[in-house]
Amino acid sequence: MSDTRAATLSSGWAETARSRPIVAAAAIVAVGGAAAILGAWFFQYGVGLKPCPLCLEQRYPYYFAIPLAALVMMGDQVGSSRKVLVAALGAIALGMLWNAGLGTYHAGVEWKWWAGPRDCSGALESLGNAGSLLETLDKISVVRCDEAAWRFLGISLAGYNAVISLGLAAVAAWGAFTGWRQAPAS
């Protein structure tokens, strides 16, 4: 891509963010949230890292925020009330802020800074019949919330989730605040 074309795309995005902050924020949340969930699924299904109960719980705000952000973008296209769109972005910001706190809590559990929940040993699958109980127990893989399955630069997936969620919360809050302050279109 040429420097001129990159500058044109960059200035086009900046102009969209200034003129339509609600849509820009919703697009960033939808794309960023989808990338985060796809990354989680990659580690689960591609790499084979089983998620613990806290890991699964940290996905719920993404399952809420991604479709809501898509609805905000569609709502803007069909002329929905600015108040409704701003409220939706506010809800996304609160959900992602909650998720950043949950990710921080989970990272702290992994670093042994505080105790995790008691059910943090993963779901127990069917144990089968009593005759093969020992064989079944040997095959069970317990997923613990207090052990990081993977780290990069010393940060676990829960830590990265906290950072990503905080960033998405900030973007949604910016879009809601800026969209609220903007004068209604004539």
N, C-alpha and C. Protein backbone atom coordinates (compact mmCIF):
# COMPACT_ATOMS: atom_id res chain seq x y z
N MET A 1 0.85 -1.16 0.00
CA MET A 1 0.00 0.00 0.00
C MET A 1 0.90 1.23 0.00
N SER A 2 0.57 2.17 -0.83
CA SER A 2 1.38 3.38 -0.92
C SER A 2 1.15 4.27 0.30
N ASP A 3 2.12 5.14 0.55
CA ASP A 3 2.01 6.07 1.68
C ASP A 3 0.82 7.00 1.51
N THR A 4 0.56 7.41 0.29
CA THR A 4 -0.56 8.32 0.02
C THR A 4 -1.89 7.64 0.33
N ARG A 5 -2.01 6.39 -0.11
CA ARG A 5 -3.26 5.67 0.13
C ARG A 5 -3.45 5.41 1.63
N ALA A 6 -2.38 5.04 2.34
CA ALA A 6 -2.46 4.82 3.78
C ALA A 6 -2.87 6.10 4.50
N ALA A 7 -2.32 7.23 4.09
CA ALA A 7 -2.67 8.50 4.71
C ALA A 7 -4.13 8.85 4.44
N THR A 8 -4.62 8.55 3.23
CA THR A 8 -6.01 8.80 2.88
C THR A 8 -6.94 7.94 3.74
N LEU A 9 -6.60 6.64 3.88
CA LEU A 9 -7.42 5.76 4.72
C LEU A 9 -7.40 6.21 6.17
N SER A 10 -6.24 6.61 6.64
CA SER A 10 -6.11 7.07 8.02
C SER A 10 -6.92 8.34 8.26
N SER A 11 -6.84 9.28 7.34
CA SER A 11 -7.60 10.51 7.51
C SER A 11 -9.10 10.25 7.36
N GLY A 12 -9.48 9.28 6.53
CA GLY A 12 -10.89 8.91 6.39
C GLY A 12 -11.44 8.31 7.66
N TRP A 13 -10.65 7.46 8.31
CA TRP A 13 -11.07 6.86 9.57
C TRP A 13 -11.17 7.93 10.66
N ALA A 14 -10.18 8.84 10.69
CA ALA A 14 -10.20 9.91 11.69
C ALA A 14 -11.43 10.81 11.49
N GLU A 15 -11.77 11.10 10.25
CA GLU A 15 -12.94 11.92 9.98
C GLU A 15 -14.22 11.20 10.41
N THR A 16 -14.31 9.89 10.16
CA THR A 16 -15.47 9.11 10.60
C THR A 16 -15.58 9.13 12.12
N ALA A 17 -14.45 8.97 12.80
CA ALA A 17 -14.45 8.98 14.27
C ALA A 17 -14.92 10.32 14.81
N ARG A 18 -14.54 11.42 14.14
CA ARG A 18 -14.96 12.75 14.59
C ARG A 18 -16.43 13.01 14.28
N SER A 19 -16.86 12.64 13.11
CA SER A 19 -18.22 12.97 12.71
C SER A 19 -19.25 11.96 13.21
N ARG A 20 -18.86 10.71 13.41
CA ARG A 20 -19.79 9.67 13.85
C ARG A 20 -19.13 8.81 14.94
N PRO A 21 -18.89 9.39 16.11
CA PRO A 21 -18.17 8.66 17.16
C PRO A 21 -18.92 7.42 17.67
N ILE A 22 -20.23 7.44 17.63
CA ILE A 22 -21.00 6.28 18.09
C ILE A 22 -20.73 5.09 17.19
N VAL A 23 -20.76 5.31 15.89
CA VAL A 23 -20.50 4.23 14.93
C VAL A 23 -19.05 3.77 15.02
N ALA A 24 -18.13 4.73 15.13
CA ALA A 24 -16.71 4.37 15.21
C ALA A 24 -16.44 3.53 16.45
N ALA A 25 -16.99 3.92 17.58
CA ALA A 25 -16.78 3.16 18.82
C ALA A 25 -17.40 1.78 18.72
N ALA A 26 -18.60 1.70 18.17
CA ALA A 26 -19.27 0.41 18.02
C ALA A 26 -18.47 -0.51 17.10
N ALA A 27 -17.93 0.04 16.03
CA ALA A 27 -17.13 -0.77 15.10
C ALA A 27 -15.87 -1.30 15.79
N ILE A 28 -15.21 -0.45 16.56
CA ILE A 28 -14.00 -0.89 17.26
C ILE A 28 -14.34 -1.96 18.28
N VAL A 29 -15.43 -1.80 19.01
CA VAL A 29 -15.84 -2.80 20.00
C VAL A 29 -16.18 -4.12 19.30
N ALA A 30 -16.93 -4.06 18.21
CA ALA A 30 -17.32 -5.29 17.51
C ALA A 30 -16.10 -6.03 16.97
N VAL A 31 -15.21 -5.30 16.31
CA VAL A 31 -14.02 -5.94 15.72
C VAL A 31 -13.05 -6.40 16.81
N GLY A 32 -12.79 -5.54 17.78
CA GLY A 32 -11.87 -5.90 18.86
C GLY A 32 -12.40 -7.04 19.70
N GLY A 33 -13.70 -7.02 20.01
CA GLY A 33 -14.31 -8.10 20.77
C GLY A 33 -14.30 -9.41 20.00
N ALA A 34 -14.60 -9.35 18.72
CA ALA A 34 -14.56 -10.56 17.90
C ALA A 34 -13.15 -11.13 17.83
N ALA A 35 -12.16 -10.27 17.71
CA ALA A 35 -10.77 -10.75 17.68
C ALA A 35 -10.40 -11.42 19.01
N ALA A 36 -10.86 -10.86 20.12
CA ALA A 36 -10.57 -11.45 21.43
C ALA A 36 -11.23 -12.82 21.57
N ILE A 37 -12.47 -12.95 21.17
CA ILE A 37 -13.17 -14.24 21.27
C ILE A 37 -12.55 -15.25 20.31
N LEU A 38 -12.22 -14.82 19.11
CA LEU A 38 -11.57 -15.74 18.17
C LEU A 38 -10.22 -16.21 18.73
N GLY A 39 -9.51 -15.32 19.40
CA GLY A 39 -8.25 -15.71 20.04
C GLY A 39 -8.49 -16.74 21.14
N ALA A 40 -9.52 -16.54 21.95
CA ALA A 40 -9.85 -17.50 23.01
C ALA A 40 -10.22 -18.85 22.41
N TRP A 41 -11.01 -18.84 21.35
CA TRP A 41 -11.38 -20.09 20.69
C TRP A 41 -10.16 -20.77 20.07
N PHE A 42 -9.24 -19.97 19.53
CA PHE A 42 -8.01 -20.54 18.96
C PHE A 42 -7.23 -21.29 20.04
N PHE A 43 -7.08 -20.66 21.21
CA PHE A 43 -6.34 -21.32 22.28
C PHE A 43 -7.09 -22.56 22.79
N GLN A 44 -8.41 -22.50 22.78
CA GLN A 44 -9.18 -23.64 23.26
C GLN A 44 -9.20 -24.78 22.24
N TYR A 45 -9.57 -24.48 21.00
CA TYR A 45 -9.76 -25.54 20.00
C TYR A 45 -8.53 -25.79 19.13
N GLY A 46 -7.74 -24.76 18.88
CA GLY A 46 -6.56 -24.93 18.04
C GLY A 46 -5.35 -25.44 18.81
N VAL A 47 -5.10 -24.86 19.97
CA VAL A 47 -3.94 -25.22 20.78
C VAL A 47 -4.29 -26.33 21.77
N GLY A 48 -5.56 -26.42 22.16
CA GLY A 48 -5.99 -27.46 23.08
C GLY A 48 -5.94 -27.07 24.55
N LEU A 49 -5.91 -25.77 24.86
CA LEU A 49 -5.94 -25.31 26.25
C LEU A 49 -7.39 -25.26 26.71
N LYS A 50 -7.74 -26.11 27.66
CA LYS A 50 -9.11 -26.12 28.16
C LYS A 50 -9.32 -24.90 29.06
N PRO A 51 -10.43 -24.20 28.89
CA PRO A 51 -10.71 -23.04 29.76
C PRO A 51 -11.23 -23.47 31.12
N CYS A 52 -10.86 -22.71 32.12
CA CYS A 52 -11.38 -22.96 33.47
C CYS A 52 -12.72 -22.22 33.60
N PRO A 53 -13.44 -22.42 34.72
CA PRO A 53 -14.72 -21.72 34.88
C PRO A 53 -14.60 -20.20 34.81
N LEU A 54 -13.53 -19.62 35.36
CA LEU A 54 -13.37 -18.16 35.28
C LEU A 54 -13.11 -17.71 33.85
N CYS A 55 -12.37 -18.52 33.10
CA CYS A 55 -12.11 -18.19 31.69
C CYS A 55 -13.42 -18.13 30.90
N LEU A 56 -14.26 -19.13 31.14
CA LEU A 56 -15.54 -19.15 30.43
C LEU A 56 -16.42 -17.98 30.83
N GLU A 57 -16.40 -17.62 32.11
CA GLU A 57 -17.20 -16.49 32.59
C GLU A 57 -16.75 -15.17 31.97
N GLN A 58 -15.45 -15.06 31.66
CA GLN A 58 -14.94 -13.83 31.07
C GLN A 58 -15.35 -13.66 29.61
N ARG A 59 -15.91 -14.69 29.01
CA ARG A 59 -16.38 -14.60 27.62
C ARG A 59 -17.78 -13.98 27.52
N TYR A 60 -18.57 -14.07 28.58
CA TYR A 60 -19.95 -13.59 28.52
C TYR A 60 -20.07 -12.12 28.12
N PRO A 61 -19.27 -11.21 28.69
CA PRO A 61 -19.40 -9.82 28.26
C PRO A 61 -19.12 -9.62 26.76
N TYR A 62 -18.24 -10.43 26.19
CA TYR A 62 -17.99 -10.34 24.75
C TYR A 62 -19.23 -10.81 23.98
N TYR A 63 -19.85 -11.90 24.45
CA TYR A 63 -21.05 -12.42 23.79
C TYR A 63 -22.19 -11.40 23.86
N PHE A 64 -22.15 -10.52 24.82
CA PHE A 64 -23.13 -9.44 24.96
C PHE A 64 -22.73 -8.23 24.12
N ALA A 65 -21.45 -7.84 24.19
CA ALA A 65 -20.99 -6.59 23.58
C ALA A 65 -20.91 -6.65 22.06
N ILE A 66 -20.48 -7.77 21.52
CA ILE A 66 -20.30 -7.86 20.06
C ILE A 66 -21.63 -7.67 19.32
N PRO A 67 -22.67 -8.46 19.64
CA PRO A 67 -23.93 -8.24 18.92
C PRO A 67 -24.57 -6.88 19.22
N LEU A 68 -24.40 -6.40 20.47
CA LEU A 68 -24.97 -5.09 20.79
C LEU A 68 -24.26 -3.99 20.00
N ALA A 69 -22.95 -4.10 19.84
CA ALA A 69 -22.22 -3.12 19.02
C ALA A 69 -22.68 -3.18 17.57
N ALA A 70 -22.92 -4.39 17.06
CA ALA A 70 -23.44 -4.52 15.69
C ALA A 70 -24.83 -3.89 15.58
N LEU A 71 -25.66 -4.07 16.61
CA LEU A 71 -26.98 -3.44 16.61
C LEU A 71 -26.88 -1.91 16.67
N VAL A 72 -25.89 -1.40 17.39
CA VAL A 72 -25.68 0.06 17.43
C VAL A 72 -25.34 0.56 16.03
N MET A 73 -24.46 -0.14 15.32
CA MET A 73 -24.11 0.29 13.96
C MET A 73 -25.32 0.23 13.04
N MET A 74 -26.11 -0.84 13.16
CA MET A 74 -27.32 -0.94 12.33
C MET A 74 -28.34 0.13 12.73
N GLY A 75 -28.47 0.37 14.04
CA GLY A 75 -29.39 1.39 14.52
C GLY A 75 -29.05 2.76 13.99
N ASP A 76 -27.76 3.05 13.89
CA ASP A 76 -27.35 4.34 13.34
C ASP A 76 -27.76 4.45 11.88
N GLN A 77 -27.67 3.35 11.15
CA GLN A 77 -28.02 3.36 9.73
C GLN A 77 -29.51 3.58 9.49
N VAL A 78 -30.35 3.10 10.42
CA VAL A 78 -31.79 3.22 10.22
C VAL A 78 -32.40 4.40 10.97
N GLY A 79 -31.55 5.20 11.59
CA GLY A 79 -32.03 6.42 12.24
C GLY A 79 -32.57 6.23 13.64
N SER A 80 -32.06 5.28 14.39
CA SER A 80 -32.49 5.09 15.77
C SER A 80 -32.14 6.30 16.61
N SER A 81 -32.82 6.43 17.72
CA SER A 81 -32.60 7.54 18.63
C SER A 81 -31.15 7.55 19.13
N ARG A 82 -30.56 8.72 19.14
CA ARG A 82 -29.19 8.88 19.62
C ARG A 82 -29.10 8.46 21.08
N LYS A 83 -30.15 8.75 21.85
CA LYS A 83 -30.16 8.37 23.27
C LYS A 83 -30.07 6.85 23.43
N VAL A 84 -30.76 6.11 22.59
CA VAL A 84 -30.73 4.65 22.66
C VAL A 84 -29.34 4.13 22.29
N LEU A 85 -28.76 4.70 21.25
CA LEU A 85 -27.42 4.27 20.82
C LEU A 85 -26.37 4.58 21.89
N VAL A 86 -26.49 5.76 22.50
CA VAL A 86 -25.56 6.14 23.56
C VAL A 86 -25.74 5.22 24.77
N ALA A 87 -26.99 4.91 25.10
CA ALA A 87 -27.25 4.01 26.23
C ALA A 87 -26.67 2.62 25.97
N ALA A 88 -26.78 2.16 24.73
CA ALA A 88 -26.23 0.85 24.38
C ALA A 88 -24.70 0.85 24.54
N LEU A 89 -24.06 1.92 24.08
CA LEU A 89 -22.61 2.02 24.26
C LEU A 89 -22.25 2.11 25.74
N GLY A 90 -23.07 2.80 26.52
CA GLY A 90 -22.84 2.86 27.96
C GLY A 90 -22.94 1.48 28.60
N ALA A 91 -23.91 0.69 28.17
CA ALA A 91 -24.05 -0.67 28.68
C ALA A 91 -22.84 -1.52 28.30
N ILE A 92 -22.36 -1.34 27.08
CA ILE A 92 -21.15 -2.07 26.65
C ILE A 92 -19.97 -1.65 27.51
N ALA A 93 -19.83 -0.35 27.75
CA ALA A 93 -18.71 0.13 28.57
C ALA A 93 -18.75 -0.47 29.97
N LEU A 94 -19.93 -0.51 30.57
CA LEU A 94 -20.06 -1.08 31.92
C LEU A 94 -19.76 -2.58 31.92
N GLY A 95 -20.26 -3.28 30.91
CA GLY A 95 -19.99 -4.73 30.82
C GLY A 95 -18.52 -5.04 30.64
N MET A 96 -17.85 -4.26 29.80
CA MET A 96 -16.43 -4.51 29.56
C MET A 96 -15.59 -4.06 30.76
N LEU A 97 -16.05 -3.04 31.46
CA LEU A 97 -15.35 -2.63 32.69
C LEU A 97 -15.47 -3.73 33.75
N TRP A 98 -16.64 -4.31 33.87
CA TRP A 98 -16.84 -5.45 34.77
C TRP A 98 -15.88 -6.59 34.37
N ASN A 99 -15.79 -6.86 33.07
CA ASN A 99 -14.94 -7.93 32.58
C ASN A 99 -13.47 -7.64 32.84
N ALA A 100 -13.06 -6.39 32.75
CA ALA A 100 -11.67 -6.03 33.07
C ALA A 100 -11.39 -6.34 34.54
N GLY A 101 -12.36 -6.06 35.42
CA GLY A 101 -12.21 -6.40 36.83
C GLY A 101 -12.14 -7.90 37.04
N LEU A 102 -12.97 -8.65 36.32
CA LEU A 102 -12.95 -10.11 36.44
C LEU A 102 -11.63 -10.68 35.93
N GLY A 103 -11.12 -10.13 34.83
CA GLY A 103 -9.83 -10.58 34.31
C GLY A 103 -8.70 -10.27 35.27
N THR A 104 -8.75 -9.11 35.91
CA THR A 104 -7.74 -8.75 36.91
C THR A 104 -7.82 -9.69 38.11
N TYR A 105 -9.04 -9.97 38.56
CA TYR A 105 -9.23 -10.92 39.66
C TYR A 105 -8.63 -12.28 39.29
N HIS A 106 -8.94 -12.76 38.08
CA HIS A 106 -8.45 -14.07 37.64
C HIS A 106 -6.92 -14.08 37.55
N ALA A 107 -6.35 -13.02 37.02
CA ALA A 107 -4.88 -12.94 36.95
C ALA A 107 -4.28 -12.95 38.36
N GLY A 108 -4.92 -12.28 39.30
CA GLY A 108 -4.45 -12.28 40.68
C GLY A 108 -4.53 -13.67 41.30
N VAL A 109 -5.57 -14.42 40.96
CA VAL A 109 -5.69 -15.80 41.44
C VAL A 109 -4.53 -16.63 40.87
N GLU A 110 -4.22 -16.41 39.59
CA GLU A 110 -3.11 -17.16 38.97
C GLU A 110 -1.77 -16.82 39.61
N TRP A 111 -1.59 -15.59 40.01
CA TRP A 111 -0.34 -15.17 40.66
C TRP A 111 -0.35 -15.48 42.15
N LYS A 112 -1.45 -16.08 42.63
CA LYS A 112 -1.59 -16.46 44.06
C LYS A 112 -1.62 -15.24 44.98
N TRP A 113 -2.11 -14.10 44.46
CA TRP A 113 -2.25 -12.90 45.28
C TRP A 113 -3.46 -13.01 46.19
N TRP A 114 -4.47 -13.75 45.77
CA TRP A 114 -5.66 -13.99 46.56
C TRP A 114 -6.24 -15.33 46.14
N ALA A 115 -7.15 -15.83 46.97
CA ALA A 115 -7.75 -17.14 46.69
C ALA A 115 -8.81 -17.03 45.60
N GLY A 116 -8.93 -18.07 44.83
CA GLY A 116 -9.95 -18.12 43.79
C GLY A 116 -11.21 -18.78 44.31
N PRO A 117 -12.22 -18.90 43.47
CA PRO A 117 -13.46 -19.54 43.89
C PRO A 117 -13.25 -21.03 44.17
N ARG A 118 -14.07 -21.60 45.01
CA ARG A 118 -13.92 -23.02 45.38
C ARG A 118 -14.17 -23.96 44.22
N ASP A 119 -15.05 -23.57 43.31
CA ASP A 119 -15.36 -24.46 42.19
C ASP A 119 -14.38 -24.28 41.04
N CYS A 120 -13.20 -23.82 41.34
CA CYS A 120 -12.22 -23.49 40.31
C CYS A 120 -11.41 -24.70 39.85
N SER A 121 -12.00 -25.86 39.90
CA SER A 121 -11.27 -27.04 39.47
C SER A 121 -11.83 -27.60 38.18
N GLY A 122 -12.73 -26.91 37.56
CA GLY A 122 -13.29 -27.34 36.29
C GLY A 122 -14.48 -28.27 36.49
N ALA A 123 -15.19 -28.50 35.43
CA ALA A 123 -16.37 -29.36 35.48
C ALA A 123 -15.94 -30.82 35.53
N LEU A 124 -16.60 -31.60 36.34
CA LEU A 124 -16.32 -33.02 36.45
C LEU A 124 -17.22 -33.75 35.47
N GLU A 125 -16.59 -34.47 34.55
CA GLU A 125 -17.36 -35.19 33.55
C GLU A 125 -17.87 -36.50 34.14
N SER A 126 -18.66 -37.23 33.40
CA SER A 126 -19.21 -38.50 33.86
C SER A 126 -18.08 -39.46 34.22
N LEU A 127 -18.21 -40.11 35.36
CA LEU A 127 -17.17 -41.03 35.82
C LEU A 127 -17.42 -42.46 35.34
N GLY A 128 -18.49 -42.70 34.64
CA GLY A 128 -18.76 -44.05 34.12
C GLY A 128 -19.16 -45.00 35.22
N ASN A 129 -18.90 -46.33 35.00
CA ASN A 129 -19.29 -47.32 36.00
C ASN A 129 -18.17 -47.54 37.00
N ALA A 130 -18.49 -48.17 38.10
CA ALA A 130 -17.54 -48.36 39.19
C ALA A 130 -16.36 -49.25 38.79
N GLY A 131 -16.56 -50.16 37.87
CA GLY A 131 -15.49 -51.08 37.47
C GLY A 131 -14.34 -50.38 36.77
N SER A 132 -14.64 -49.28 36.05
CA SER A 132 -13.58 -48.57 35.31
C SER A 132 -13.28 -47.22 35.94
N LEU A 133 -13.60 -47.05 37.22
CA LEU A 133 -13.43 -45.76 37.88
C LEU A 133 -11.98 -45.29 37.88
N LEU A 134 -11.04 -46.18 38.19
CA LEU A 134 -9.62 -45.79 38.22
C LEU A 134 -9.12 -45.37 36.84
N GLU A 135 -9.52 -46.09 35.81
CA GLU A 135 -9.13 -45.71 34.44
C GLU A 135 -9.70 -44.35 34.08
N THR A 136 -10.94 -44.12 34.44
CA THR A 136 -11.61 -42.85 34.15
C THR A 136 -10.92 -41.71 34.88
N LEU A 137 -10.58 -41.92 36.16
CA LEU A 137 -9.91 -40.88 36.93
C LEU A 137 -8.54 -40.53 36.34
N ASP A 138 -7.86 -41.51 35.77
CA ASP A 138 -6.56 -41.25 35.15
C ASP A 138 -6.69 -40.38 33.90
N LYS A 139 -7.83 -40.44 33.25
CA LYS A 139 -8.03 -39.71 32.00
C LYS A 139 -8.57 -38.29 32.22
N ILE A 140 -9.05 -37.98 33.44
CA ILE A 140 -9.65 -36.68 33.71
C ILE A 140 -8.57 -35.60 33.73
N SER A 141 -8.84 -34.54 33.02
CA SER A 141 -7.93 -33.38 32.99
C SER A 141 -8.60 -32.25 33.78
N VAL A 142 -8.05 -31.95 34.95
CA VAL A 142 -8.62 -30.91 35.79
C VAL A 142 -8.05 -29.56 35.36
N VAL A 143 -8.92 -28.62 35.07
CA VAL A 143 -8.50 -27.28 34.68
C VAL A 143 -8.65 -26.37 35.88
N ARG A 144 -7.56 -25.86 36.38
CA ARG A 144 -7.57 -25.04 37.59
C ARG A 144 -7.48 -23.57 37.21
N CYS A 145 -8.22 -22.75 37.95
CA CYS A 145 -8.20 -21.31 37.72
C CYS A 145 -6.96 -20.64 38.29
N ASP A 146 -6.30 -21.32 39.21
CA ASP A 146 -5.14 -20.71 39.86
C ASP A 146 -3.81 -21.07 39.20
N GLU A 147 -3.87 -21.66 38.02
CA GLU A 147 -2.66 -21.96 37.26
C GLU A 147 -2.83 -21.42 35.84
N ALA A 148 -1.95 -20.53 35.44
CA ALA A 148 -2.02 -19.97 34.09
C ALA A 148 -1.60 -21.05 33.09
N ALA A 149 -2.46 -21.30 32.12
CA ALA A 149 -2.16 -22.33 31.11
C ALA A 149 -1.13 -21.83 30.10
N TRP A 150 -1.03 -20.51 29.95
CA TRP A 150 -0.15 -19.94 28.93
C TRP A 150 0.18 -18.52 29.32
N ARG A 151 1.41 -18.13 29.10
CA ARG A 151 1.84 -16.75 29.36
C ARG A 151 2.70 -16.27 28.19
N PHE A 152 2.58 -14.98 27.92
CA PHE A 152 3.45 -14.32 26.94
C PHE A 152 3.89 -13.02 27.58
N LEU A 153 5.19 -12.80 27.63
CA LEU A 153 5.78 -11.63 28.28
C LEU A 153 5.36 -11.57 29.75
N GLY A 154 5.16 -12.73 30.36
CA GLY A 154 4.79 -12.81 31.77
C GLY A 154 3.33 -12.55 32.06
N ILE A 155 2.53 -12.33 31.03
CA ILE A 155 1.11 -12.02 31.22
C ILE A 155 0.28 -13.20 30.72
N SER A 156 -0.67 -13.62 31.54
CA SER A 156 -1.53 -14.75 31.18
C SER A 156 -2.68 -14.27 30.28
N LEU A 157 -3.44 -15.24 29.79
CA LEU A 157 -4.61 -14.88 28.98
C LEU A 157 -5.61 -14.05 29.78
N ALA A 158 -5.74 -14.34 31.07
CA ALA A 158 -6.63 -13.53 31.92
C ALA A 158 -6.13 -12.09 32.00
N GLY A 159 -4.82 -11.91 32.08
CA GLY A 159 -4.25 -10.56 32.11
C GLY A 159 -4.48 -9.83 30.80
N TYR A 160 -4.30 -10.53 29.69
CA TYR A 160 -4.57 -9.89 28.39
C TYR A 160 -6.05 -9.56 28.26
N ASN A 161 -6.92 -10.44 28.76
CA ASN A 161 -8.34 -10.14 28.72
C ASN A 161 -8.64 -8.87 29.51
N ALA A 162 -8.00 -8.69 30.66
CA ALA A 162 -8.23 -7.48 31.47
C ALA A 162 -7.84 -6.24 30.68
N VAL A 163 -6.70 -6.29 30.00
CA VAL A 163 -6.23 -5.14 29.22
C VAL A 163 -7.16 -4.86 28.05
N ILE A 164 -7.53 -5.91 27.31
CA ILE A 164 -8.41 -5.75 26.15
C ILE A 164 -9.78 -5.22 26.59
N SER A 165 -10.33 -5.79 27.66
CA SER A 165 -11.64 -5.35 28.14
C SER A 165 -11.61 -3.90 28.60
N LEU A 166 -10.54 -3.52 29.28
CA LEU A 166 -10.42 -2.13 29.72
C LEU A 166 -10.34 -1.19 28.50
N GLY A 167 -9.60 -1.58 27.49
CA GLY A 167 -9.52 -0.78 26.27
C GLY A 167 -10.86 -0.65 25.58
N LEU A 168 -11.59 -1.77 25.47
CA LEU A 168 -12.91 -1.72 24.83
C LEU A 168 -13.90 -0.91 25.66
N ALA A 169 -13.80 -0.99 26.98
CA ALA A 169 -14.65 -0.17 27.85
C ALA A 169 -14.36 1.31 27.62
N ALA A 170 -13.08 1.66 27.50
CA ALA A 170 -12.71 3.05 27.27
C ALA A 170 -13.23 3.54 25.92
N VAL A 171 -13.13 2.70 24.89
CA VAL A 171 -13.62 3.08 23.56
C VAL A 171 -15.13 3.28 23.59
N ALA A 172 -15.84 2.35 24.21
CA ALA A 172 -17.31 2.47 24.29
C ALA A 172 -17.71 3.70 25.10
N ALA A 173 -17.01 3.96 26.19
CA ALA A 173 -17.32 5.15 27.00
C ALA A 173 -17.03 6.43 26.22
N TRP A 174 -15.92 6.43 25.47
CA TRP A 174 -15.60 7.59 24.63
C TRP A 174 -16.71 7.81 23.60
N GLY A 175 -17.13 6.73 22.93
CA GLY A 175 -18.19 6.85 21.92
C GLY A 175 -19.49 7.35 22.52
N ALA A 176 -19.84 6.85 23.70
CA ALA A 176 -21.07 7.28 24.36
C ALA A 176 -20.98 8.75 24.78
N PHE A 177 -19.88 9.11 25.40
CA PHE A 177 -19.71 10.49 25.87
C PHE A 177 -19.66 11.47 24.71
N THR A 178 -18.88 11.16 23.70
CA THR A 178 -18.75 12.06 22.55
C THR A 178 -20.05 12.12 21.76
N GLY A 179 -20.71 10.98 21.60
CA GLY A 179 -22.00 10.95 20.90
C GLY A 179 -23.07 11.72 21.64
N TRP A 180 -23.04 11.69 22.96
CA TRP A 180 -24.01 12.43 23.77
C TRP A 180 -23.80 13.93 23.64
N ARG A 181 -22.53 14.35 23.62
CA ARG A 181 -22.22 15.79 23.54
C ARG A 181 -22.46 16.36 22.15
N GLN A 182 -22.42 15.52 21.16
CA GLN A 182 -22.60 15.98 19.78
C GLN A 182 -24.01 16.51 19.57
N ALA A 183 -24.10 17.55 18.82
CA ALA A 183 -25.43 18.11 18.50
C ALA A 183 -26.17 17.14 17.59
N PRO A 184 -27.47 16.98 17.79
CA PRO A 184 -28.23 16.09 16.92
C PRO A 184 -28.15 16.57 15.48
N ALA A 185 -28.14 15.59 14.57
CA ALA A 185 -28.07 15.93 13.14
C ALA A 185 -29.35 16.64 12.72
N SER A 186 -29.20 17.61 11.86
CA SER A 186 -30.37 18.38 11.40
C SER A 186 -31.08 17.68 10.28
